[in-house]
N, C-alpha and C. Protein backbone atom coordinates (compact mmCIF):
# COMPACT_ATOMS: atom_id res chain seq x y z
N MET A 1 85.80 177.46 110.27
CA MET A 1 84.57 177.99 109.71
C MET A 1 84.15 177.12 108.52
N PRO A 2 82.91 176.64 108.53
CA PRO A 2 82.48 175.77 107.43
C PRO A 2 82.40 176.53 106.11
N GLN A 3 82.68 175.80 105.09
CA GLN A 3 82.58 176.37 103.75
C GLN A 3 81.11 176.62 103.42
N PRO A 4 80.82 177.62 102.61
CA PRO A 4 79.42 177.95 102.30
C PRO A 4 78.65 176.82 101.62
N ILE A 5 79.29 176.07 100.75
CA ILE A 5 78.60 174.98 100.05
C ILE A 5 78.22 173.89 101.04
N TYR A 6 79.16 173.52 101.91
CA TYR A 6 78.89 172.50 102.92
C TYR A 6 77.76 172.96 103.84
N TRP A 7 77.83 174.21 104.30
CA TRP A 7 76.80 174.74 105.17
C TRP A 7 75.43 174.74 104.49
N LEU A 8 75.39 175.17 103.23
CA LEU A 8 74.13 175.23 102.50
C LEU A 8 73.52 173.84 102.33
N LEU A 9 74.33 172.88 101.89
CA LEU A 9 73.81 171.53 101.67
C LEU A 9 73.32 170.88 102.96
N THR A 10 74.08 171.01 104.03
CA THR A 10 73.64 170.39 105.28
C THR A 10 72.41 171.10 105.86
N THR A 11 72.33 172.40 105.70
CA THR A 11 71.15 173.12 106.18
C THR A 11 69.91 172.71 105.40
N ILE A 12 70.03 172.57 104.09
CA ILE A 12 68.89 172.12 103.27
C ILE A 12 68.45 170.73 103.71
N LEU A 13 69.40 169.83 103.94
CA LEU A 13 69.05 168.48 104.36
C LEU A 13 68.42 168.47 105.76
N GLU A 14 68.88 169.32 106.64
CA GLU A 14 68.28 169.40 107.98
C GLU A 14 66.86 169.97 107.91
N ILE A 15 66.64 170.95 107.07
CA ILE A 15 65.28 171.49 106.88
C ILE A 15 64.38 170.42 106.27
N TYR A 16 64.91 169.63 105.35
CA TYR A 16 64.14 168.54 104.75
C TYR A 16 63.77 167.50 105.80
N THR A 17 64.66 167.26 106.76
CA THR A 17 64.35 166.34 107.86
C THR A 17 63.15 166.86 108.65
N VAL A 18 63.13 168.14 108.93
CA VAL A 18 62.00 168.73 109.67
C VAL A 18 60.71 168.62 108.85
N ILE A 19 60.79 168.82 107.55
CA ILE A 19 59.61 168.71 106.68
C ILE A 19 59.07 167.28 106.72
N ILE A 20 59.95 166.29 106.67
CA ILE A 20 59.52 164.89 106.75
C ILE A 20 58.82 164.63 108.08
N LEU A 21 59.40 165.12 109.17
CA LEU A 21 58.78 164.91 110.49
C LEU A 21 57.43 165.61 110.59
N VAL A 22 57.30 166.80 110.04
CA VAL A 22 56.00 167.50 110.04
C VAL A 22 54.98 166.70 109.25
N TRP A 23 55.39 166.18 108.10
CA TRP A 23 54.49 165.37 107.27
C TRP A 23 54.01 164.13 108.02
N VAL A 24 54.93 163.45 108.70
CA VAL A 24 54.58 162.24 109.46
C VAL A 24 53.61 162.58 110.59
N ILE A 25 53.93 163.60 111.36
CA ILE A 25 53.09 163.96 112.51
C ILE A 25 51.70 164.41 112.04
N LEU A 26 51.64 165.21 110.98
CA LEU A 26 50.34 165.63 110.46
C LEU A 26 49.53 164.44 109.95
N SER A 27 50.18 163.50 109.29
CA SER A 27 49.44 162.33 108.80
C SER A 27 48.89 161.51 109.96
N TRP A 28 49.64 161.42 111.06
CA TRP A 28 49.13 160.72 112.24
C TRP A 28 47.95 161.48 112.84
N LEU A 29 48.10 162.80 112.98
CA LEU A 29 47.03 163.60 113.59
C LEU A 29 45.75 163.55 112.76
N VAL A 30 45.89 163.56 111.44
CA VAL A 30 44.72 163.45 110.57
C VAL A 30 44.16 162.03 110.65
N GLY A 31 45.01 161.03 110.67
CA GLY A 31 44.57 159.64 110.73
C GLY A 31 43.82 159.30 112.01
N PHE A 32 44.19 159.92 113.11
CA PHE A 32 43.53 159.67 114.39
C PHE A 32 42.45 160.72 114.69
N ASN A 33 42.08 161.51 113.69
CA ASN A 33 41.04 162.54 113.81
C ASN A 33 41.30 163.53 114.94
N VAL A 34 42.55 163.85 115.16
CA VAL A 34 42.90 164.86 116.16
C VAL A 34 42.73 166.25 115.57
N ILE A 35 43.08 166.39 114.29
CA ILE A 35 42.88 167.66 113.60
C ILE A 35 41.96 167.43 112.41
N ASN A 36 41.29 168.46 112.00
CA ASN A 36 40.34 168.39 110.91
C ASN A 36 41.07 168.52 109.58
N ARG A 37 40.98 167.48 108.77
CA ARG A 37 41.68 167.51 107.49
C ARG A 37 41.05 168.47 106.49
N TYR A 38 39.85 168.96 106.77
CA TYR A 38 39.17 169.90 105.88
C TYR A 38 39.45 171.36 106.23
N ASN A 39 40.23 171.58 107.27
CA ASN A 39 40.66 172.92 107.64
C ASN A 39 41.61 173.43 106.54
N PRO A 40 41.38 174.62 106.00
CA PRO A 40 42.23 175.12 104.91
C PRO A 40 43.71 175.22 105.29
N PHE A 41 44.00 175.60 106.52
CA PHE A 41 45.40 175.69 106.95
C PHE A 41 46.05 174.31 106.98
N VAL A 42 45.35 173.33 107.51
CA VAL A 42 45.86 171.96 107.55
C VAL A 42 46.04 171.42 106.14
N GLN A 43 45.08 171.68 105.28
CA GLN A 43 45.18 171.24 103.89
C GLN A 43 46.39 171.84 103.20
N ALA A 44 46.65 173.12 103.44
CA ALA A 44 47.78 173.78 102.80
C ALA A 44 49.11 173.18 103.27
N ILE A 45 49.22 172.93 104.56
CA ILE A 45 50.47 172.34 105.07
C ILE A 45 50.62 170.90 104.59
N MET A 46 49.53 170.13 104.60
CA MET A 46 49.61 168.75 104.12
C MET A 46 49.98 168.72 102.64
N ARG A 47 49.40 169.61 101.86
CA ARG A 47 49.71 169.64 100.42
C ARG A 47 51.18 170.02 100.19
N ALA A 48 51.66 171.03 100.91
CA ALA A 48 53.04 171.48 100.73
C ALA A 48 54.03 170.40 101.15
N THR A 49 53.78 169.77 102.30
CA THR A 49 54.72 168.74 102.75
C THR A 49 54.63 167.50 101.86
N SER A 50 53.44 167.17 101.39
CA SER A 50 53.31 166.00 100.51
C SER A 50 54.06 166.20 99.20
N VAL A 51 53.98 167.41 98.66
CA VAL A 51 54.69 167.69 97.41
C VAL A 51 56.19 167.51 97.58
N LEU A 52 56.70 167.84 98.76
CA LEU A 52 58.14 167.73 99.00
C LEU A 52 58.58 166.34 99.42
N VAL A 53 57.71 165.58 100.08
CA VAL A 53 58.11 164.30 100.66
C VAL A 53 57.74 163.11 99.78
N GLU A 54 56.56 163.13 99.19
CA GLU A 54 56.08 161.96 98.43
C GLU A 54 57.00 161.53 97.29
N PRO A 55 57.60 162.45 96.50
CA PRO A 55 58.49 161.97 95.43
C PRO A 55 59.69 161.17 95.95
N ALA A 56 60.17 161.49 97.13
CA ALA A 56 61.29 160.74 97.70
C ALA A 56 60.82 159.43 98.32
N LEU A 57 59.58 159.38 98.77
CA LEU A 57 59.06 158.16 99.39
C LEU A 57 58.64 157.11 98.36
N ALA A 58 58.24 157.53 97.17
CA ALA A 58 57.73 156.60 96.16
C ALA A 58 58.73 155.50 95.80
N PRO A 59 59.99 155.80 95.51
CA PRO A 59 60.93 154.71 95.19
C PRO A 59 61.17 153.78 96.38
N ILE A 60 61.16 154.34 97.58
CA ILE A 60 61.36 153.51 98.78
C ILE A 60 60.17 152.58 98.96
N ARG A 61 58.97 153.07 98.72
CA ARG A 61 57.77 152.25 98.86
C ARG A 61 57.71 151.13 97.83
N ARG A 62 58.30 151.35 96.65
CA ARG A 62 58.35 150.27 95.66
C ARG A 62 59.23 149.14 96.13
N ILE A 63 60.31 149.47 96.83
CA ILE A 63 61.24 148.45 97.34
C ILE A 63 60.74 147.86 98.65
N LEU A 64 60.19 148.72 99.53
CA LEU A 64 59.77 148.31 100.86
C LEU A 64 58.29 148.62 101.03
N PRO A 65 57.41 147.66 100.70
CA PRO A 65 55.97 147.93 100.86
C PRO A 65 55.60 147.97 102.34
N PRO A 66 54.41 148.52 102.65
CA PRO A 66 53.98 148.56 104.05
C PRO A 66 53.93 147.15 104.65
N LEU A 67 54.45 147.02 105.85
CA LEU A 67 54.47 145.73 106.53
C LEU A 67 53.51 145.77 107.71
N GLY A 68 52.50 144.92 107.67
CA GLY A 68 51.54 144.88 108.76
C GLY A 68 50.77 146.17 108.92
N GLY A 69 50.55 146.89 107.84
CA GLY A 69 49.81 148.15 107.90
C GLY A 69 50.66 149.33 108.34
N PHE A 70 51.95 149.12 108.56
CA PHE A 70 52.82 150.21 108.99
C PHE A 70 53.78 150.55 107.86
N ASP A 71 53.87 151.83 107.55
CA ASP A 71 54.72 152.31 106.46
C ASP A 71 56.09 152.72 107.02
N PHE A 72 57.12 151.96 106.69
CA PHE A 72 58.47 152.24 107.18
C PHE A 72 59.24 153.20 106.27
N SER A 73 58.66 153.60 105.15
CA SER A 73 59.40 154.44 104.20
C SER A 73 59.85 155.78 104.77
N PRO A 74 59.07 156.47 105.62
CA PRO A 74 59.60 157.72 106.18
C PRO A 74 60.83 157.49 107.07
N ILE A 75 60.86 156.38 107.78
CA ILE A 75 62.02 156.06 108.61
C ILE A 75 63.24 155.84 107.73
N VAL A 76 63.06 155.11 106.65
CA VAL A 76 64.17 154.86 105.73
C VAL A 76 64.64 156.17 105.11
N LEU A 77 63.69 157.03 104.74
CA LEU A 77 64.06 158.32 104.15
C LEU A 77 64.82 159.19 105.15
N LEU A 78 64.39 159.21 106.41
CA LEU A 78 65.11 159.96 107.43
C LEU A 78 66.53 159.42 107.61
N LEU A 79 66.68 158.10 107.58
CA LEU A 79 68.01 157.50 107.70
C LEU A 79 68.89 157.88 106.50
N LEU A 80 68.31 157.89 105.31
CA LEU A 80 69.07 158.27 104.12
C LEU A 80 69.50 159.73 104.17
N VAL A 81 68.62 160.60 104.62
CA VAL A 81 68.97 162.02 104.72
C VAL A 81 70.09 162.20 105.75
N ARG A 82 69.98 161.51 106.88
CA ARG A 82 71.03 161.60 107.91
C ARG A 82 72.35 161.06 107.37
N PHE A 83 72.29 159.96 106.60
CA PHE A 83 73.48 159.40 105.98
C PHE A 83 74.14 160.42 105.05
N LEU A 84 73.32 161.14 104.28
CA LEU A 84 73.87 162.16 103.39
C LEU A 84 74.54 163.29 104.17
N ILE A 85 73.95 163.69 105.29
CA ILE A 85 74.56 164.75 106.10
C ILE A 85 75.91 164.29 106.64
N ILE A 86 75.97 163.07 107.13
CA ILE A 86 77.23 162.54 107.68
C ILE A 86 78.27 162.37 106.56
N THR A 87 77.82 161.91 105.40
CA THR A 87 78.74 161.74 104.27
C THR A 87 79.28 163.09 103.81
N LEU A 88 78.44 164.12 103.78
CA LEU A 88 78.93 165.46 103.42
C LEU A 88 79.96 165.95 104.42
N GLY A 89 79.74 165.68 105.70
CA GLY A 89 80.72 166.06 106.71
C GLY A 89 82.04 165.35 106.52
N TRP A 90 81.96 164.06 106.19
CA TRP A 90 83.18 163.28 105.95
C TRP A 90 83.93 163.82 104.73
N ILE A 91 83.19 164.10 103.67
CA ILE A 91 83.82 164.64 102.46
C ILE A 91 84.44 166.00 102.76
N TYR A 92 83.75 166.82 103.52
CA TYR A 92 84.27 168.14 103.87
C TYR A 92 85.58 168.02 104.64
N LEU A 93 85.63 167.08 105.59
CA LEU A 93 86.86 166.91 106.39
C LEU A 93 88.00 166.32 105.56
N ARG A 94 87.69 165.41 104.65
CA ARG A 94 88.73 164.74 103.86
C ARG A 94 89.21 165.56 102.67
N VAL A 95 88.26 166.11 101.96
CA VAL A 95 88.58 166.76 100.69
C VAL A 95 88.46 168.28 100.80
N GLY A 96 87.41 168.72 101.46
CA GLY A 96 87.12 170.15 101.49
C GLY A 96 86.35 170.55 100.27
N PHE A 97 85.63 171.62 100.34
CA PHE A 97 84.86 172.08 99.20
C PHE A 97 85.49 173.32 98.61
């Protein structure tokens, strides 16, 4: 049975992964005019996901600027979050919480 701290941290990181993916998909849908960016519901979700994702993307964007008009920072952020989940699992198995 996983320890509560390990479970909590990995669950938060997995939820953050979903938030990043929602932010990416919404930005694509707005960019391709599939959904109306002036819809209050869309605005609320975009604002909420941006508040959670943009602070983590800013340092990555300073190191890795957009290449050829494509922003790789969300991919790097997803890889970093996945790395943290795997590292927490390794620490849990080796040390325990």
